[in-house]
Structures are given as structure tokens and as C-alpha cells.
Amino acid sequence: MIPRESIEFGPLIIAFDDRVLRPRPWTAAQSEWAADLVPSFSPGPRILELCSGAGHIGLLALSLVDERHPGASLVAVDLNPAACAYTLLNAAAAGLEDQVDVREAHIEEALYTFETFDLVIADPPWVPHAEIGNYPADPELAIDGGDDGLAVTWPCVQAARLHLAVGGAMVLQLGTTAQVDALRERLAAEGDPLQILEVREHEGGVLLRLARTVEEDLL
């Protein structure tokens, strides 16, 4: 039997084991920032979490949003079956299971064409492949971001572009400001309607707020 651990994450107790990335306490800042970005006019806001891991970031965001906007819901997506199982387990422990839809799938295959979300949260693997050996305690699937650390980030951004509701926002986690600059350059080069509007640096990583311009949302 695989040993199970648990950790306090805000008011939640999050269970996990070594098949998923150990929740980092600082990432509660991602949940809190995301919750603050839900439009005040949004009834029953829908939240999308990509690369959900044990579900801690999305579940904390859901609990915070639901306090202000009753009827909030969360779709959590991860390719790892253990991560999906823990998201369900942790949702039940928090009394949120009726508001959570967990999907084990690739990002590109997880969402229906018609689905829109007021908020997209993503903590994709962002460690460059050549450096994953520096983190032997972490599951490779949860940290390997390809050559530049952005291989999984880009599908997350594409999903946000397709599924963000008018006035919606994305809160994305990356590892370094250099990765932020690289993502900004790619968005600009492709004429992407999403823009990086704000960056917040933390000891464990970098958080970005992305959204479409007002003009784009009015088209």
C-alpha cells in the first residue's frame, strides 16, 4: 500500500501520496488571487483547473469563490489517474464533491466545445527536462515541462483562449521570470488575444494573470 500523507492548505486538509506533486503551501496565493478575479456579476461562476494534481489549488479557489458567489463549480483536469482520484477524495473531504467534475484526460481532449469558464487556473509542469533530475522526490509527469519548461503551459493557454468567458481571467503558475518573458514573446508573435496583464513573484515560483483585452471581448 502506498503511504498517504496530508497537509493543511488554507482551511482545507489535502491528502496525497508520492504519485502526485506534494502541495506547496505558497501556492494558496494562486487560489486567493484567482478567487479575487471572479467578476462580481457572475452568478454560479465556473472554474477550470488544468494540471490539477491533488486538487488543492482549484478546491481552495472553489471554496473561496463559493463563499461570495454561491453555486460555483469546478472542472479539474489531469492526465494522472492518481491525481484525479485525490482531487475527488479531497473534494469530498471538503464537502465540495457535488460542485466538482474531475476529468482524466489530455488538456486538448478534456473540454467540450461549448464550455466557458469565468476563471482558469493552471499549475503546469514547468521544470526544463534537463533539470528534472534536481527534483528526485517529485513525480516526473508532474514537473517535466519539456525543453524550455513551457511544453505543457502552451496547451493550458490555448485552452484558456478558447474557453474563457467574457470578462474571465487566467491565473497561471510558472517557475521563472525568464519563462514569463518567453511566454509573453510567443503570445505577441502569434497575435494571441490573451495578454499577460500582471506578474507576481513568490519564493517558490511566479504567478501570472492573463486575460483578453476589453476590445477583444467586445468582438
Protein backbone atom coordinates (compact mmCIF):
# COMPACT_ATOMS: atom_id res chain seq x y z
CA MET A 1 0.00 0.00 0.00
CA ILE A 2 1.35 3.43 -0.93
CA PRO A 3 1.78 5.64 2.17
CA ARG A 4 -0.63 8.58 2.21
CA GLU A 5 0.13 11.99 3.67
CA SER A 6 -1.97 15.05 4.31
CA ILE A 7 -1.23 18.76 4.59
CA GLU A 8 -3.13 21.85 5.67
CA PHE A 9 -3.82 24.08 2.69
CA GLY A 10 -5.67 27.14 3.86
CA PRO A 11 -8.75 25.77 5.64
CA LEU A 12 -8.59 22.51 3.68
CA ILE A 13 -6.88 19.23 4.53
CA ILE A 14 -5.33 17.83 1.35
CA ALA A 15 -4.39 14.16 1.06
CA PHE A 16 -1.76 12.94 -1.40
CA ASP A 17 0.99 10.40 -1.94
CA ASP A 18 4.24 10.28 -3.87
CA ARG A 19 2.46 9.66 -7.19
CA VAL A 20 1.40 13.31 -7.25
CA LEU A 21 3.26 16.53 -6.63
CA ARG A 22 3.44 17.45 -2.96
CA PRO A 23 1.28 20.57 -2.43
CA ARG A 24 3.37 23.68 -1.87
CA PRO A 25 1.80 25.94 0.81
CA TRP A 26 2.77 29.12 -1.08
CA THR A 27 0.50 28.16 -3.98
CA ALA A 28 -2.50 29.10 -1.83
CA ALA A 29 -1.67 32.57 -3.16
CA GLN A 30 -2.73 31.33 -6.61
CA SER A 31 -6.11 30.23 -5.26
CA GLU A 32 -6.64 33.50 -3.42
CA TRP A 33 -5.70 35.69 -6.38
CA ALA A 34 -7.88 33.65 -8.70
CA ALA A 35 -10.87 33.93 -6.37
CA ASP A 36 -10.48 37.71 -6.28
CA LEU A 37 -10.73 37.87 -10.08
CA VAL A 38 -14.19 36.33 -10.46
CA PRO A 39 -16.46 39.05 -11.87
CA SER A 40 -18.81 40.41 -9.23
CA PHE A 41 -21.77 39.99 -11.60
CA SER A 42 -21.10 36.31 -12.21
CA PRO A 43 -23.86 34.00 -10.89
CA GLY A 44 -22.70 30.45 -10.19
CA PRO A 45 -19.20 31.04 -11.62
CA ARG A 46 -17.46 28.15 -13.36
CA ILE A 47 -13.80 27.45 -12.61
CA LEU A 48 -11.44 25.35 -14.71
CA GLU A 49 -8.27 23.91 -13.20
CA LEU A 50 -5.71 22.40 -15.58
CA CYS A 51 -2.94 20.09 -14.32
CA SER A 52 -4.85 19.81 -11.05
CA GLY A 53 -2.58 17.40 -9.17
CA ALA A 54 -4.15 16.62 -5.81
CA GLY A 55 -6.71 19.36 -6.50
CA HIS A 56 -5.61 21.69 -3.72
CA ILE A 57 -5.31 24.92 -5.73
CA GLY A 58 -8.63 24.53 -7.51
CA LEU A 59 -10.50 23.32 -4.43
CA LEU A 60 -9.29 26.22 -2.32
CA ALA A 61 -10.26 28.64 -5.08
CA LEU A 62 -13.69 27.00 -5.31
CA SER A 63 -14.27 27.25 -1.58
CA LEU A 64 -13.31 30.94 -1.58
CA VAL A 65 -15.40 31.76 -4.65
CA ASP A 66 -18.41 29.84 -3.35
CA GLU A 67 -18.48 31.97 -0.19
CA ARG A 68 -19.06 35.06 -2.36
CA HIS A 69 -20.89 33.52 -5.31
CA PRO A 70 -22.99 30.53 -4.19
CA GLY A 71 -23.34 27.83 -6.80
CA ALA A 72 -19.74 27.98 -8.01
CA SER A 73 -18.39 24.85 -9.68
CA LEU A 74 -15.03 23.41 -10.67
CA VAL A 75 -13.86 21.27 -13.57
CA ALA A 76 -10.48 19.75 -12.69
CA VAL A 77 -8.34 18.17 -15.42
CA ASP A 78 -5.26 15.98 -15.04
CA LEU A 79 -3.68 13.17 -17.03
CA ASN A 80 -2.56 11.28 -13.92
CA PRO A 81 -5.23 8.87 -12.59
CA ALA A 82 -3.81 9.13 -9.07
CA ALA A 83 -4.14 12.92 -9.21
CA CYS A 84 -7.75 12.63 -10.33
CA ALA A 85 -8.52 10.18 -7.53
CA TYR A 86 -7.05 12.52 -4.94
CA THR A 87 -8.93 15.50 -6.31
CA LEU A 88 -12.17 13.57 -5.84
CA LEU A 89 -11.13 12.43 -2.37
CA ASN A 90 -10.13 15.93 -1.30
CA ALA A 91 -13.30 17.43 -2.75
CA ALA A 92 -15.37 15.01 -0.68
CA ALA A 93 -13.36 15.80 2.45
CA ALA A 94 -14.08 19.49 1.92
CA GLY A 95 -17.80 18.88 1.32
CA LEU A 96 -17.44 20.11 -2.27
CA GLU A 97 -17.90 16.88 -4.19
CA ASP A 98 -21.25 17.94 -5.67
CA GLN A 99 -19.60 21.01 -7.19
CA VAL A 100 -16.59 19.28 -8.74
CA ASP A 101 -16.23 17.47 -12.07
CA VAL A 102 -12.89 15.64 -12.39
CA ARG A 103 -11.69 14.64 -15.86
CA GLU A 104 -8.75 12.34 -16.52
CA ALA A 105 -7.61 13.45 -19.96
CA HIS A 106 -5.15 15.40 -22.04
CA ILE A 107 -5.91 19.11 -21.94
CA GLU A 108 -6.76 19.18 -25.64
CA GLU A 109 -9.38 16.42 -25.18
CA ALA A 110 -10.88 17.32 -21.81
CA LEU A 111 -13.30 20.12 -22.67
CA TYR A 112 -16.44 20.40 -24.74
CA THR A 113 -16.52 22.99 -27.49
CA PHE A 114 -19.37 24.94 -25.92
CA GLU A 115 -17.94 25.12 -22.38
CA THR A 116 -16.93 28.50 -20.96
CA PHE A 117 -15.36 29.38 -17.62
CA ASP A 118 -15.12 32.58 -15.62
CA LEU A 119 -11.78 31.52 -14.24
CA VAL A 120 -8.95 29.28 -15.46
CA ILE A 121 -6.23 28.11 -13.07
CA ALA A 122 -3.16 26.19 -14.17
CA ASP A 123 -0.04 24.93 -12.43
CA PRO A 124 1.54 23.03 -15.32
CA PRO A 125 4.88 21.21 -15.14
CA TRP A 126 7.46 23.96 -15.71
CA VAL A 127 10.84 22.39 -14.92
CA PRO A 128 13.00 22.12 -18.08
CA HIS A 129 13.56 18.46 -18.94
CA ALA A 130 17.33 18.70 -18.43
CA GLU A 131 16.78 19.81 -14.84
CA ILE A 132 14.20 17.31 -13.57
CA GLY A 133 16.95 15.21 -12.01
CA ASN A 134 17.37 18.02 -9.49
CA TYR A 135 13.98 17.08 -8.02
CA PRO A 136 14.16 13.33 -7.33
CA ALA A 137 11.27 13.41 -4.85
CA ASP A 138 8.83 14.80 -7.42
CA PRO A 139 6.97 12.62 -9.97
CA GLU A 140 8.40 13.23 -13.43
CA LEU A 141 4.96 13.59 -15.00
CA ALA A 142 4.15 16.42 -12.59
CA ILE A 143 7.26 18.53 -13.22
CA ASP A 144 8.64 17.81 -16.72
CA GLY A 145 7.91 20.87 -18.83
CA GLY A 146 9.90 19.84 -21.90
CA ASP A 147 12.97 21.55 -23.32
CA ASP A 148 12.12 25.06 -22.15
CA GLY A 149 9.69 24.23 -19.36
CA LEU A 150 6.74 25.55 -21.37
CA ALA A 151 5.63 22.44 -23.29
CA VAL A 152 2.52 21.96 -21.14
CA THR A 153 1.99 25.64 -20.45
CA TRP A 154 1.10 26.40 -24.05
CA PRO A 155 -1.84 23.92 -24.24
CA CYS A 156 -3.10 25.46 -20.98
CA VAL A 157 -3.00 28.93 -22.52
CA GLN A 158 -4.71 27.67 -25.68
CA ALA A 159 -7.49 26.14 -23.59
CA ALA A 160 -7.96 29.44 -21.79
CA ARG A 161 -8.13 31.30 -25.07
CA LEU A 162 -10.90 29.01 -26.30
CA HIS A 163 -12.92 28.67 -23.11
CA LEU A 164 -12.67 31.87 -21.10
CA ALA A 165 -15.99 33.66 -20.74
CA VAL A 166 -16.28 37.38 -21.43
CA GLY A 167 -14.56 39.17 -18.57
CA GLY A 168 -12.83 35.98 -17.45
CA ALA A 169 -9.24 35.62 -16.30
CA MET A 170 -6.50 33.02 -16.11
CA VAL A 171 -4.04 32.64 -13.23
CA LEU A 172 -1.02 30.66 -14.39
CA GLN A 173 1.98 29.43 -12.44
CA LEU A 174 5.48 29.31 -13.94
CA GLY A 175 8.93 28.84 -12.48
CA THR A 176 10.96 31.88 -13.54
CA THR A 177 10.63 35.37 -14.93
CA ALA A 178 12.60 34.17 -17.96
CA GLN A 179 9.74 31.78 -18.72
CA VAL A 180 7.30 34.66 -18.32
CA ASP A 181 9.26 36.66 -20.87
CA ALA A 182 9.37 33.69 -23.27
CA LEU A 183 5.61 33.21 -22.98
CA ARG A 184 4.98 36.91 -23.50
CA GLU A 185 7.10 36.84 -26.66
CA ARG A 186 5.22 33.84 -28.04
CA LEU A 187 1.84 35.41 -27.35
CA ALA A 188 2.92 38.58 -29.12
CA ALA A 189 4.46 36.70 -32.06
CA GLU A 190 1.25 34.74 -32.65
CA GLY A 191 -1.01 37.75 -32.18
CA ASP A 192 -2.73 35.92 -29.37
CA PRO A 193 -5.80 37.66 -27.92
CA LEU A 194 -4.66 36.69 -24.42
CA GLN A 195 -2.22 39.05 -22.76
CA ILE A 196 -0.15 38.88 -19.59
CA LEU A 197 -1.55 41.72 -17.51
CA GLU A 198 0.19 41.22 -14.18
CA VAL A 199 3.05 39.18 -12.72
CA ARG A 200 3.62 38.39 -9.07
CA GLU A 201 6.87 36.78 -7.95
CA HIS A 202 6.93 34.39 -5.00
CA GLU A 203 9.72 32.43 -3.36
CA GLY A 204 8.57 29.21 -5.00
CA GLY A 205 7.57 30.47 -8.44
CA VAL A 206 5.84 33.13 -10.46
CA LEU A 207 2.11 33.80 -10.87
CA LEU A 208 0.65 35.49 -13.95
CA ARG A 209 -2.75 36.98 -14.66
CA LEU A 210 -3.83 36.66 -18.27
CA ALA A 211 -6.97 37.96 -19.94
CA ARG A 212 -8.22 39.19 -23.27
CA THR A 213 -8.29 42.90 -23.90
CA VAL A 214 -11.62 44.68 -23.46
CA GLU A 215 -11.74 45.27 -27.20
CA GLU A 216 -11.30 41.57 -27.95
CA ASP A 217 -14.09 40.59 -25.54
CA LEU A 218 -16.45 43.01 -27.27
CA LEU A 219 -15.95 41.45 -30.70
